[in-house]
PDB file of N, CA and C in Angstrom:
ATOM      1  N   UNK A   1      32.301 -25.090  58.174  1.00  0.00           N
ATOM      2  CA  UNK A   1      31.809 -25.211  56.865  1.00  0.00           C
ATOM      3  C   UNK A   1      32.672 -25.949  55.929  1.00  0.00           C
ATOM      4  N   UNK A   2      32.087 -26.892  55.465  1.00  0.00           N
ATOM      5  CA  UNK A   2      32.759 -27.565  54.524  1.00  0.00           C
ATOM      6  C   UNK A   2      32.451 -27.450  53.052  1.00  0.00           C
ATOM      7  N   UNK A   3      33.395 -27.154  52.264  1.00  0.00           N
ATOM      8  CA  UNK A   3      33.063 -27.020  50.906  1.00  0.00           C
ATOM      9  C   UNK A   3      33.897 -28.154  49.983  1.00  0.00           C
ATOM     10  N   UNK A   4      32.999 -28.584  49.321  1.00  0.00           N
ATOM     11  CA  UNK A   4      33.336 -29.776  48.076  1.00  0.00           C
ATOM     12  C   UNK A   4      33.410 -29.111  46.874  1.00  0.00           C
ATOM     13  N   UNK A   5      34.264 -28.870  46.540  1.00  0.00           N
ATOM     14  CA  UNK A   5      34.371 -28.155  44.899  1.00  0.00           C
ATOM     15  C   UNK A   5      34.157 -29.450  43.850  1.00  0.00           C
ATOM     16  N   UNK A   6      33.121 -29.108  43.160  1.00  0.00           N
ATOM     17  CA  UNK A   6      32.914 -30.343  41.936  1.00  0.00           C
ATOM     18  C   UNK A   6      34.101 -30.656  41.020  1.00  0.00           C
ATOM     19  N   UNK A   7      34.649 -29.808  40.922  1.00  0.00           N
ATOM     20  CA  UNK A   7      35.779 -29.823  39.812  1.00  0.00           C
ATOM     21  C   UNK A   7      37.163 -29.517  40.385  1.00  0.00           C
ATOM     22  N   UNK A   8      38.234 -30.614  40.322  1.00  0.00           N
ATOM     23  CA  UNK A   8      39.441 -30.526  41.063  1.00  0.00           C
ATOM     24  C   UNK A   8      40.195 -29.222  40.494  1.00  0.00           C
ATOM     25  N   UNK A   9      40.066 -28.896  39.105  1.00  0.00           N
ATOM     26  CA  UNK A   9      40.838 -27.601  38.899  1.00  0.00           C
ATOM     27  C   UNK A   9      40.282 -26.408  39.864  1.00  0.00           C
ATOM     28  N   UNK A  10      39.258 -26.310  40.557  1.00  0.00           N
ATOM     29  CA  UNK A  10      38.922 -25.290  41.220  1.00  0.00           C
ATOM     30  C   UNK A  10      39.300 -25.361  43.035  1.00  0.00           C
ATOM     31  N   UNK A  11      39.938 -26.682  43.275  1.00  0.00           N
ATOM     32  CA  UNK A  11      40.424 -26.948  44.570  1.00  0.00           C
ATOM     33  C   UNK A  11      41.298 -25.665  45.078  1.00  0.00           C
ATOM     34  N   UNK A  12      42.293 -25.315  44.527  1.00  0.00           N
ATOM     35  CA  UNK A  12      43.129 -24.253  45.163  1.00  0.00           C
ATOM     36  C   UNK A  12      42.469 -22.943  45.049  1.00  0.00           C
ATOM     37  N   UNK A  13      41.546 -22.664  43.783  1.00  0.00           N
ATOM     38  CA  UNK A  13      40.976 -21.324  44.017  1.00  0.00           C
ATOM     39  C   UNK A  13      40.103 -21.153  44.860  1.00  0.00           C
ATOM     40  N   UNK A  14      39.027 -22.147  45.309  1.00  0.00           N
ATOM     41  CA  UNK A  14      38.296 -22.139  46.372  1.00  0.00           C
ATOM     42  C   UNK A  14      38.992 -21.916  47.520  1.00  0.00           C
ATOM     43  N   UNK A  15      40.129 -22.466  48.064  1.00  0.00           N
ATOM     44  CA  UNK A  15      40.640 -22.606  49.160  1.00  0.00           C
ATOM     45  C   UNK A  15      41.584 -21.236  49.448  1.00  0.00           C
ATOM     46  N   UNK A  16      41.812 -20.595  48.250  1.00  0.00           N
ATOM     47  CA  UNK A  16      42.396 -19.222  48.367  1.00  0.00           C
ATOM     48  C   UNK A  16      41.638 -18.163  48.664  1.00  0.00           C
ATOM     49  N   UNK A  17      40.286 -18.306  47.879  1.00  0.00           N
ATOM     50  CA  UNK A  17      39.014 -17.530  48.201  1.00  0.00           C
ATOM     51  C   UNK A  17      38.589 -17.251  49.506  1.00  0.00           C
ATOM     52  N   UNK A  18      38.564 -18.453  50.123  1.00  0.00           N
ATOM     53  CA  UNK A  18      38.043 -18.490  51.446  1.00  0.00           C
ATOM     54  C   UNK A  18      39.289 -17.711  52.284  1.00  0.00           C
ATOM     55  N   UNK A  19      40.483 -17.975  52.215  1.00  0.00           N
ATOM     56  CA  UNK A  19      41.454 -17.329  52.785  1.00  0.00           C
ATOM     57  C   UNK A  19      41.425 -15.833  52.826  1.00  0.00           C
ATOM     58  N   UNK A  20      41.158 -15.518  51.541  1.00  0.00           N
ATOM     59  CA  UNK A  20      41.285 -13.745  51.100  1.00  0.00           C
ATOM     60  C   UNK A  20      40.067 -13.248  52.089  1.00  0.00           C
ATOM     61  N   UNK A  21      39.146 -14.047  52.144  1.00  0.00           N
ATOM     62  CA  UNK A  21      37.834 -13.464  52.934  1.00  0.00           C
ATOM     63  C   UNK A  21      37.956 -13.501  54.494  1.00  0.00           C
ATOM     64  N   UNK A  22      39.268 -14.196  54.856  1.00  0.00           N
ATOM     65  CA  UNK A  22      39.651 -14.097  56.332  1.00  0.00           C
ATOM     66  C   UNK A  22      39.193 -15.217  57.038  1.00  0.00           C
ATOM     67  N   UNK A  23      38.665 -16.171  56.178  1.00  0.00           N
ATOM     68  CA  UNK A  23      38.528 -17.477  57.199  1.00  0.00           C
ATOM     69  C   UNK A  23      39.743 -18.427  57.335  1.00  0.00           C
ATOM     70  N   UNK A  24      39.639 -18.873  58.558  1.00  0.00           N
ATOM     71  CA  UNK A  24      40.721 -19.921  58.862  1.00  0.00           C
ATOM     72  C   UNK A  24      40.443 -21.314  57.966  1.00  0.00           C
ATOM     73  N   UNK A  25      41.336 -21.403  56.892  1.00  0.00           N
ATOM     74  CA  UNK A  25      41.060 -22.568  56.028  1.00  0.00           C
ATOM     75  C   UNK A  25      42.084 -23.901  56.121  1.00  0.00           C
ATOM     76  N   UNK A  26      41.645 -25.110  56.009  1.00  0.00           N
ATOM     77  CA  UNK A  26      42.366 -26.093  55.757  1.00  0.00           C
ATOM     78  C   UNK A  26      41.838 -26.844  54.745  1.00  0.00           C
ATOM     79  N   UNK A  27      42.693 -27.497  54.078  1.00  0.00           N
ATOM     80  CA  UNK A  27      42.235 -28.633  52.901  1.00  0.00           C
ATOM     81  C   UNK A  27      42.413 -29.972  53.421  1.00  0.00           C
ATOM     82  N   UNK A  28      41.563 -30.838  52.872  1.00  0.00           N
ATOM     83  CA  UNK A  28      41.755 -32.390  53.309  1.00  0.00           C
ATOM     84  C   UNK A  28      42.851 -32.977  53.018  1.00  0.00           C
ATOM     85  N   UNK A  29      43.681 -32.738  51.913  1.00  0.00           N
ATOM     86  CA  UNK A  29      44.885 -33.224  51.591  1.00  0.00           C
ATOM     87  C   UNK A  29      46.125 -32.480  52.289  1.00  0.00           C
ATOM     88  N   UNK A  30      45.675 -31.616  53.166  1.00  0.00           N
ATOM     89  CA  UNK A  30      47.011 -30.951  53.895  1.00  0.00           C
ATOM     90  C   UNK A  30      47.119 -31.868  55.251  1.00  0.00           C
ATOM     91  N   UNK A  31      46.315 -32.571  55.568  1.00  0.00           N
ATOM     92  CA  UNK A  31      46.176 -33.663  56.809  1.00  0.00           C
ATOM     93  C   UNK A  31      46.245 -32.864  57.845  1.00  0.00           C
ATOM     94  N   UNK A  32      45.936 -31.618  58.053  1.00  0.00           N
ATOM     95  CA  UNK A  32      46.123 -31.048  59.353  1.00  0.00           C
ATOM     96  C   UNK A  32      44.836 -31.309  59.964  1.00  0.00           C
ATOM     97  N   UNK A  33      45.099 -30.894  61.410  1.00  0.00           N
ATOM     98  CA  UNK A  33      43.883 -31.337  62.320  1.00  0.00           C
ATOM     99  C   UNK A  33      42.854 -30.363  62.164  1.00  0.00           C
ATOM    100  N   UNK A  34      41.646 -30.838  62.379  1.00  0.00           N
ATOM    101  CA  UNK A  34      40.587 -29.834  62.379  1.00  0.00           C
ATOM    102  C   UNK A  34      40.508 -29.214  63.782  1.00  0.00           C
ATOM    103  N   UNK A  35      40.828 -28.283  63.927  1.00  0.00           N
ATOM    104  CA  UNK A  35      40.640 -27.615  65.387  1.00  0.00           C
ATOM    105  C   UNK A  35      39.640 -26.678  65.534  1.00  0.00           C
ATOM    106  N   UNK A  36      39.305 -26.123  66.782  1.00  0.00           N
ATOM    107  CA  UNK A  36      37.982 -25.046  66.634  1.00  0.00           C
ATOM    108  C   UNK A  36      38.013 -24.155  66.341  1.00  0.00           C
ATOM    109  N   UNK A  37      39.253 -23.651  65.615  1.00  0.00           N
ATOM    110  CA  UNK A  37      39.498 -22.349  65.034  1.00  0.00           C
ATOM    111  C   UNK A  37      39.471 -22.471  63.608  1.00  0.00           C
ATOM    112  N   UNK A  38      39.304 -23.620  62.978  1.00  0.00           N
ATOM    113  CA  UNK A  38      39.077 -23.962  61.549  1.00  0.00           C
ATOM    114  C   UNK A  38      37.503 -23.533  61.237  1.00  0.00           C
ATOM    115  N   UNK A  39      37.537 -22.600  60.361  1.00  0.00           N
ATOM    116  CA  UNK A  39      36.384 -22.166  59.866  1.00  0.00           C
ATOM    117  C   UNK A  39      35.708 -22.730  58.651  1.00  0.00           C
ATOM    118  N   UNK A  40      36.839 -22.829  57.616  1.00  0.00           N
ATOM    119  CA  UNK A  40      36.537 -23.562  56.486  1.00  0.00           C
ATOM    120  C   UNK A  40      37.218 -24.921  56.290  1.00  0.00           C
ATOM    121  N   UNK A  41      36.906 -25.903  55.870  1.00  0.00           N
ATOM    122  CA  UNK A  41      37.269 -27.087  55.479  1.00  0.00           C
ATOM    123  C   UNK A  41      37.007 -27.422  54.097  1.00  0.00           C
ATOM    124  N   UNK A  42      38.100 -27.390  52.976  1.00  0.00           N
ATOM    125  CA  UNK A  42      37.893 -27.835  51.654  1.00  0.00           C
ATOM    126  C   UNK A  42      38.276 -29.023  51.518  1.00  0.00           C
ATOM    127  N   UNK A  43      37.319 -29.907  50.929  1.00  0.00           N
ATOM    128  CA  UNK A  43      37.588 -31.185  50.582  1.00  0.00           C
ATOM    129  C   UNK A  43      38.256 -31.401  49.211  1.00  0.00           C
ATOM    130  N   UNK A  44      39.340 -31.359  49.214  1.00  0.00           N
ATOM    131  CA  UNK A  44      39.946 -31.254  47.644  1.00  0.00           C
ATOM    132  C   UNK A  44      40.401 -32.667  47.218  1.00  0.00           C
ATOM    133  N   UNK A  45      39.460 -33.499  47.402  1.00  0.00           N
ATOM    134  CA  UNK A  45      39.717 -34.940  46.922  1.00  0.00           C
ATOM    135  C   UNK A  45      38.519 -35.497  46.179  1.00  0.00           C
ATOM    136  N   UNK A  46      38.522 -36.583  45.543  1.00  0.00           N
ATOM    137  CA  UNK A  46      37.444 -37.080  44.656  1.00  0.00           C
ATOM    138  C   UNK A  46      36.938 -38.376  45.217  1.00  0.00           C
ATOM    139  N   UNK A  47      35.763 -38.788  44.905  1.00  0.00           N
ATOM    140  CA  UNK A  47      35.322 -40.151  45.422  1.00  0.00           C
ATOM    141  C   UNK A  47      34.796 -40.268  46.818  1.00  0.00           C
ATOM    142  N   UNK A  48      34.896 -39.156  47.640  1.00  0.00           N
ATOM    143  CA  UNK A  48      34.761 -39.225  49.011  1.00  0.00           C
ATOM    144  C   UNK A  48      33.452 -38.623  49.347  1.00  0.00           C
ATOM    145  N   UNK A  49      32.487 -38.274  48.577  1.00  0.00           N
ATOM    146  CA  UNK A  49      31.199 -37.689  48.949  1.00  0.00           C
ATOM    147  C   UNK A  49      30.322 -38.462  50.021  1.00  0.00           C
ATOM    148  N   UNK A  50      30.283 -39.545  50.138  1.00  0.00           N
ATOM    149  CA  UNK A  50      29.451 -40.290  51.285  1.00  0.00           C
ATOM    150  C   UNK A  50      30.319 -40.152  52.649  1.00  0.00           C
ATOM    151  N   UNK A  51      31.534 -40.376  52.520  1.00  0.00           N
ATOM    152  CA  UNK A  51      32.268 -40.128  53.843  1.00  0.00           C
ATOM    153  C   UNK A  51      31.933 -38.928  54.475  1.00  0.00           C
ATOM    154  N   UNK A  52      32.349 -37.501  53.395  1.00  0.00           N
ATOM    155  CA  UNK A  52      32.134 -36.170  53.694  1.00  0.00           C
ATOM    156  C   UNK A  52      30.924 -35.910  54.205  1.00  0.00           C
ATOM    157  N   UNK A  53      29.716 -36.268  53.760  1.00  0.00           N
ATOM    158  CA  UNK A  53      28.315 -36.271  53.999  1.00  0.00           C
ATOM    159  C   UNK A  53      28.338 -36.966  55.426  1.00  0.00           C
ATOM    160  N   UNK A  54      28.678 -37.859  55.627  1.00  0.00           N
ATOM    161  CA  UNK A  54      28.385 -38.611  56.609  1.00  0.00           C
ATOM    162  C   UNK A  54      28.954 -37.668  58.294  1.00  0.00           C
ATOM    163  N   UNK A  55      30.056 -36.985  57.985  1.00  0.00           N
ATOM    164  CA  UNK A  55      30.374 -35.966  58.922  1.00  0.00           C
ATOM    165  C   UNK A  55      29.793 -34.571  58.867  1.00  0.00           C
ATOM    166  N   UNK A  56      28.444 -34.460  58.194  1.00  0.00           N
ATOM    167  CA  UNK A  56      27.669 -33.118  58.021  1.00  0.00           C
ATOM    168  C   UNK A  56      26.540 -33.310  58.727  1.00  0.00           C
ATOM    169  N   UNK A  57      25.955 -31.988  59.240  1.00  0.00           N
ATOM    170  CA  UNK A  57      24.638 -32.014  59.696  1.00  0.00           C
ATOM    171  C   UNK A  57      23.449 -31.333  58.770  1.00  0.00           C
ATOM    172  N   UNK A  58      23.977 -30.886  57.756  1.00  0.00           N
ATOM    173  CA  UNK A  58      23.080 -30.303  56.564  1.00  0.00           C
ATOM    174  C   UNK A  58      23.820 -30.357  55.398  1.00  0.00           C
ATOM    175  N   UNK A  59      23.014 -30.274  54.311  1.00  0.00           N
ATOM    176  CA  UNK A  59      23.670 -30.259  52.910  1.00  0.00           C
ATOM    177  C   UNK A  59      22.875 -29.091  52.084  1.00  0.00           C
ATOM    178  N   UNK A  60      23.886 -28.081  51.816  1.00  0.00           N
ATOM    179  CA  UNK A  60      23.515 -27.135  50.762  1.00  0.00           C
ATOM    180  C   UNK A  60      23.970 -27.579  49.375  1.00  0.00           C
ATOM    181  N   UNK A  61      23.186 -27.821  47.960  1.00  0.00           N
ATOM    182  CA  UNK A  61      23.630 -28.409  46.864  1.00  0.00           C
ATOM    183  C   UNK A  61      24.078 -27.037  46.312  1.00  0.00           C
ATOM    184  N   UNK A  62      25.322 -26.985  46.047  1.00  0.00           N
ATOM    185  CA  UNK A  62      25.892 -25.864  45.014  1.00  0.00           C
ATOM    186  C   UNK A  62      25.510 -26.184  43.753  1.00  0.00           C
ATOM    187  N   UNK A  63      25.761 -25.038  42.947  1.00  0.00           N
ATOM    188  CA  UNK A  63      25.348 -25.050  41.302  1.00  0.00           C
ATOM    189  C   UNK A  63      23.937 -24.758  41.309  1.00  0.00           C
ATOM    190  N   UNK A  64      23.167 -24.572  42.156  1.00  0.00           N
ATOM    191  CA  UNK A  64      21.636 -24.632  42.239  1.00  0.00           C
ATOM    192  C   UNK A  64      21.328 -23.184  42.349  1.00  0.00           C
ATOM    193  N   UNK A  65      22.307 -22.254  42.466  1.00  0.00           N
ATOM    194  CA  UNK A  65      21.896 -20.754  42.473  1.00  0.00           C
ATOM    195  C   UNK A  65      22.462 -19.892  41.104  1.00  0.00           C
ATOM    196  N   UNK A  66      22.624 -20.370  40.335  1.00  0.00           N
ATOM    197  CA  UNK A  66      23.418 -19.713  39.138  1.00  0.00           C
ATOM    198  C   UNK A  66      22.564 -19.883  37.926  1.00  0.00           C
ATOM    199  N   UNK A  67      21.223 -19.721  38.086  1.00  0.00           N
ATOM    200  CA  UNK A  67      20.270 -19.586  36.839  1.00  0.00           C
ATOM    201  C   UNK A  67      20.351 -20.880  35.906  1.00  0.00           C
ATOM    202  N   UNK A  68      20.332 -20.568  34.714  1.00  0.00           N
ATOM    203  CA  UNK A  68      20.391 -21.800  33.673  1.00  0.00           C
ATOM    204  C   UNK A  68      21.908 -22.039  33.484  1.00  0.00           C
ATOM    205  N   UNK A  69      22.859 -21.743  34.255  1.00  0.00           N
ATOM    206  CA  UNK A  69      24.127 -22.128  33.935  1.00  0.00           C
ATOM    207  C   UNK A  69      24.490 -23.733  34.369  1.00  0.00           C
ATOM    208  N   UNK A  70      24.203 -23.856  35.534  1.00  0.00           N
ATOM    209  CA  UNK A  70      24.648 -25.453  36.239  1.00  0.00           C
ATOM    210  C   UNK A  70      23.526 -26.343  36.306  1.00  0.00           C
ATOM    211  N   UNK A  71      22.695 -25.911  36.707  1.00  0.00           N
ATOM    212  CA  UNK A  71      21.216 -26.689  37.193  1.00  0.00           C
ATOM    213  C   UNK A  71      21.232 -27.703  38.439  1.00  0.00           C
ATOM    214  N   UNK A  72      22.280 -27.255  39.249  1.00  0.00           N
ATOM    215  CA  UNK A  72      22.201 -28.149  40.493  1.00  0.00           C
ATOM    216  C   UNK A  72      23.228 -29.471  40.271  1.00  0.00           C
ATOM    217  N   UNK A  73      23.004 -30.401  41.386  1.00  0.00           N
ATOM    218  CA  UNK A  73      23.858 -31.438  41.447  1.00  0.00           C
ATOM    219  C   UNK A  73      23.016 -32.498  41.948  1.00  0.00           C
ATOM    220  N   UNK A  74      23.294 -33.829  42.198  1.00  0.00           N
ATOM    221  CA  UNK A  74      22.584 -35.015  42.435  1.00  0.00           C
ATOM    222  C   UNK A  74      22.216 -34.794  44.085  1.00  0.00           C
ATOM    223  N   UNK A  75      20.969 -34.907  44.348  1.00  0.00           N
ATOM    224  CA  UNK A  75      20.781 -34.811  45.798  1.00  0.00           C
ATOM    225  C   UNK A  75      20.513 -36.122  46.371  1.00  0.00           C
ATOM    226  N   UNK A  76      20.555 -37.247  45.735  1.00  0.00           N
ATOM    227  CA  UNK A  76      20.472 -38.590  46.274  1.00  0.00           C
ATOM    228  C   UNK A  76      21.534 -38.928  47.466  1.00  0.00           C
ATOM    229  N   UNK A  77      22.696 -38.651  47.125  1.00  0.00           N
ATOM    230  CA  UNK A  77      23.571 -39.123  48.387  1.00  0.00           C
ATOM    231  C   UNK A  77      23.353 -38.417  49.609  1.00  0.00           C
ATOM    232  N   UNK A  78      23.366 -37.121  49.862  1.00  0.00           N
ATOM    233  CA  UNK A  78      22.939 -36.697  50.938  1.00  0.00           C
ATOM    234  C   UNK A  78      21.316 -36.964  51.456  1.00  0.00           C
ATOM    235  N   UNK A  79      20.661 -37.336  50.469  1.00  0.00           N
ATOM    236  CA  UNK A  79      19.173 -37.713  50.982  1.00  0.00           C
ATOM    237  C   UNK A  79      19.255 -39.212  51.500  1.00  0.00           C
ATOM    238  N   UNK A  80      20.132 -39.976  50.901  1.00  0.00           N
ATOM    239  CA  UNK A  80      20.267 -41.442  51.468  1.00  0.00           C
ATOM    240  C   UNK A  80      20.755 -41.370  52.814  1.00  0.00           C
ATOM    241  N   UNK A  81      21.476 -40.336  53.199  1.00  0.00           N
ATOM    242  CA  UNK A  81      21.787 -40.335  54.732  1.00  0.00           C
ATOM    243  C   UNK A  81      20.978 -39.495  55.545  1.00  0.00           C
ATOM    244  N   UNK A  82      19.884 -39.107  54.849  1.00  0.00           N
ATOM    245  CA  UNK A  82      18.609 -38.489  55.641  1.00  0.00           C
ATOM    246  C   UNK A  82      18.994 -37.045  56.306  1.00  0.00           C
ATOM    247  N   UNK A  83      20.077 -36.367  55.522  1.00  0.00           N
ATOM    248  CA  UNK A  83      20.421 -34.938  55.807  1.00  0.00           C
ATOM    249  C   UNK A  83      19.581 -34.134  55.350  1.00  0.00           C
ATOM    250  N   UNK A  84      19.018 -32.964  56.258  1.00  0.00           N
ATOM    251  CA  UNK A  84      18.485 -31.916  55.932  1.00  0.00           C
ATOM    252  C   UNK A  84      19.058 -31.489  54.333  1.00  0.00           C
ATOM    253  N   UNK A  85      18.195 -31.030  53.616  1.00  0.00           N
ATOM    254  CA  UNK A  85      18.764 -30.738  52.309  1.00  0.00           C
ATOM    255  C   UNK A  85      18.108 -29.283  52.076  1.00  0.00           C
ATOM    256  N   UNK A  86      18.968 -28.324  51.589  1.00  0.00           N
ATOM    257  CA  UNK A  86      18.763 -27.018  50.919  1.00  0.00           C
ATOM    258  C   UNK A  86      19.441 -27.084  49.457  1.00  0.00           C
ATOM    259  N   UNK A  87      18.624 -26.440  48.595  1.00  0.00           N
ATOM    260  CA  UNK A  87      18.661 -26.419  47.348  1.00  0.00           C
ATOM    261  C   UNK A  87      18.423 -25.127  46.769  1.00  0.00           C
ATOM    262  N   UNK A  88      19.068 -24.449  45.780  1.00  0.00           N
ATOM    263  CA  UNK A  88      18.637 -23.185  44.911  1.00  0.00           C
ATOM    264  C   UNK A  88      17.441 -23.728  44.078  1.00  0.00           C
ATOM    265  N   UNK A  89      17.072 -22.729  43.645  1.00  0.00           N
ATOM    266  CA  UNK A  89      15.928 -22.875  42.496  1.00  0.00           C
ATOM    267  C   UNK A  89      16.291 -23.252  41.225  1.00  0.00           C
ATOM    268  N   UNK A  90      17.561 -23.450  40.948  1.00  0.00           N
ATOM    269  CA  UNK A  90      17.867 -23.838  39.563  1.00  0.00           C
ATOM    270  C   UNK A  90      18.417 -25.208  39.855  1.00  0.00           C
ATOM    271  N   UNK A  91      17.711 -26.356  39.308  1.00  0.00           N
ATOM    272  CA  UNK A  91      18.098 -27.610  39.374  1.00  0.00           C
ATOM    273  C   UNK A  91      17.365 -28.530  38.182  1.00  0.00           C
ATOM    274  N   UNK A  92      17.776 -28.023  36.921  1.00  0.00           N
ATOM    275  CA  UNK A  92      16.928 -28.533  35.773  1.00  0.00           C
ATOM    276  C   UNK A  92      17.741 -29.886  35.421  1.00  0.00           C
ATOM    277  N   UNK A  93      18.949 -30.100  35.950  1.00  0.00           N
ATOM    278  CA  UNK A  93      19.704 -31.230  35.598  1.00  0.00           C
ATOM    279  C   UNK A  93      19.136 -32.305  36.500  1.00  0.00           C
ATOM    280  N   UNK A  94      18.493 -32.164  37.618  1.00  0.00           N
ATOM    281  CA  UNK A  94      18.046 -33.065  38.539  1.00  0.00           C
ATOM    282  C   UNK A  94      16.727 -32.935  39.089  1.00  0.00           C
ATOM    283  N   UNK A  95      15.685 -32.488  37.811  1.00  0.00           N
ATOM    284  CA  UNK A  95      14.434 -32.088  38.300  1.00  0.00           C
ATOM    285  C   UNK A  95      13.627 -33.166  38.678  1.00  0.00           C
ATOM    286  N   UNK A  96      13.789 -34.216  38.116  1.00  0.00           N
ATOM    287  CA  UNK A  96      12.742 -35.490  38.546  1.00  0.00           C
ATOM    288  C   UNK A  96      13.014 -35.687  39.919  1.00  0.00           C
ATOM    289  N   UNK A  97      14.271 -35.822  40.358  1.00  0.00           N
ATOM    290  CA  UNK A  97      14.851 -36.183  41.624  1.00  0.00           C
ATOM    291  C   UNK A  97      14.288 -35.175  42.592  1.00  0.00           C
ATOM    292  N   UNK A  98      14.575 -34.111  42.232  1.00  0.00           N
ATOM    293  CA  UNK A  98      14.366 -32.992  43.348  1.00  0.00           C
ATOM    294  C   UNK A  98      12.870 -32.806  43.289  1.00  0.00           C
ATOM    295  N   UNK A  99      12.066 -33.002  42.310  1.00  0.00           N
ATOM    296  CA  UNK A  99      10.656 -32.957  42.525  1.00  0.00           C
ATOM    297  C   UNK A  99      10.064 -33.997  43.522  1.00  0.00           C
ATOM    298  N   UNK A 100      10.730 -35.064  43.369  1.00  0.00           N
ATOM    299  CA  UNK A 100      10.177 -36.038  44.381  1.00  0.00           C
ATOM    300  C   UNK A 100      10.561 -35.796  45.553  1.00  0.00           C
ATOM    301  N   UNK A 101      11.945 -35.363  45.717  1.00  0.00           N
ATOM    302  CA  UNK A 101      12.148 -34.962  47.157  1.00  0.00           C
ATOM    303  C   UNK A 101      11.287 -33.719  47.797  1.00  0.00           C
ATOM    304  N   UNK A 102      10.852 -32.810  46.637  1.00  0.00           N
ATOM    305  CA  UNK A 102       9.881 -31.953  47.150  1.00  0.00           C
ATOM    306  C   UNK A 102       8.693 -32.309  47.706  1.00  0.00           C
ATOM    307  N   UNK A 103       8.205 -33.433  46.907  1.00  0.00           N
ATOM    308  CA  UNK A 103       7.010 -33.823  47.277  1.00  0.00           C
ATOM    309  C   UNK A 103       7.180 -34.531  48.450  1.00  0.00           C
ATOM    310  N   UNK A 104       8.127 -35.119  48.913  1.00  0.00           N
ATOM    311  CA  UNK A 104       8.261 -35.876  50.183  1.00  0.00           C
ATOM    312  C   UNK A 104       8.608 -34.910  51.231  1.00  0.00           C
ATOM    313  N   UNK A 105       8.737 -33.747  51.012  1.00  0.00           N
ATOM    314  CA  UNK A 105       9.040 -32.399  51.924  1.00  0.00           C
ATOM    315  C   UNK A 105      10.661 -32.896  52.484  1.00  0.00           C
ATOM    316  N   UNK A 106      11.425 -33.354  51.714  1.00  0.00           N
ATOM    317  CA  UNK A 106      12.901 -33.622  52.140  1.00  0.00           C
ATOM    318  C   UNK A 106      13.903 -32.887  51.409  1.00  0.00           C
ATOM    319  N   UNK A 107      13.267 -31.878  50.808  1.00  0.00           N
ATOM    320  CA  UNK A 107      14.283 -30.657  50.499  1.00  0.00           C
ATOM    321  C   UNK A 107      13.732 -29.444  50.557  1.00  0.00           C
ATOM    322  N   UNK A 108      14.674 -28.405  51.016  1.00  0.00           N
ATOM    323  CA  UNK A 108      14.035 -27.072  50.947  1.00  0.00           C
ATOM    324  C   UNK A 108      14.593 -26.144  49.800  1.00  0.00           C
ATOM    325  N   UNK A 109      13.802 -25.559  49.126  1.00  0.00           N
ATOM    326  CA  UNK A 109      14.399 -24.636  48.143  1.00  0.00           C
ATOM    327  C   UNK A 109      14.547 -23.311  48.550  1.00  0.00           C
TER     328      UNK A 109
END
């Protein structure tokens, strides 16, 4: 599982949370090798979303499960790479993009 926190101030918090739940976790900036026992990879960098998505098999877009609080994130980058997309029901910040992807059956809510 790769987690890409949206806000840099959450990088350490997300990594610590994964470790507290017993997952073998590494961060991108640690430059440790990704071995078969790594369960969670925290992408604690900015500006690399397309590179990170390029190494992914599927994308779940965070910020889409918390009701009226966040409203989802932009699905265009994973869609451009033709990744299967999963999104929660809260996507008001990107409703036009998400609705078009829904029409094309390119995202699952």
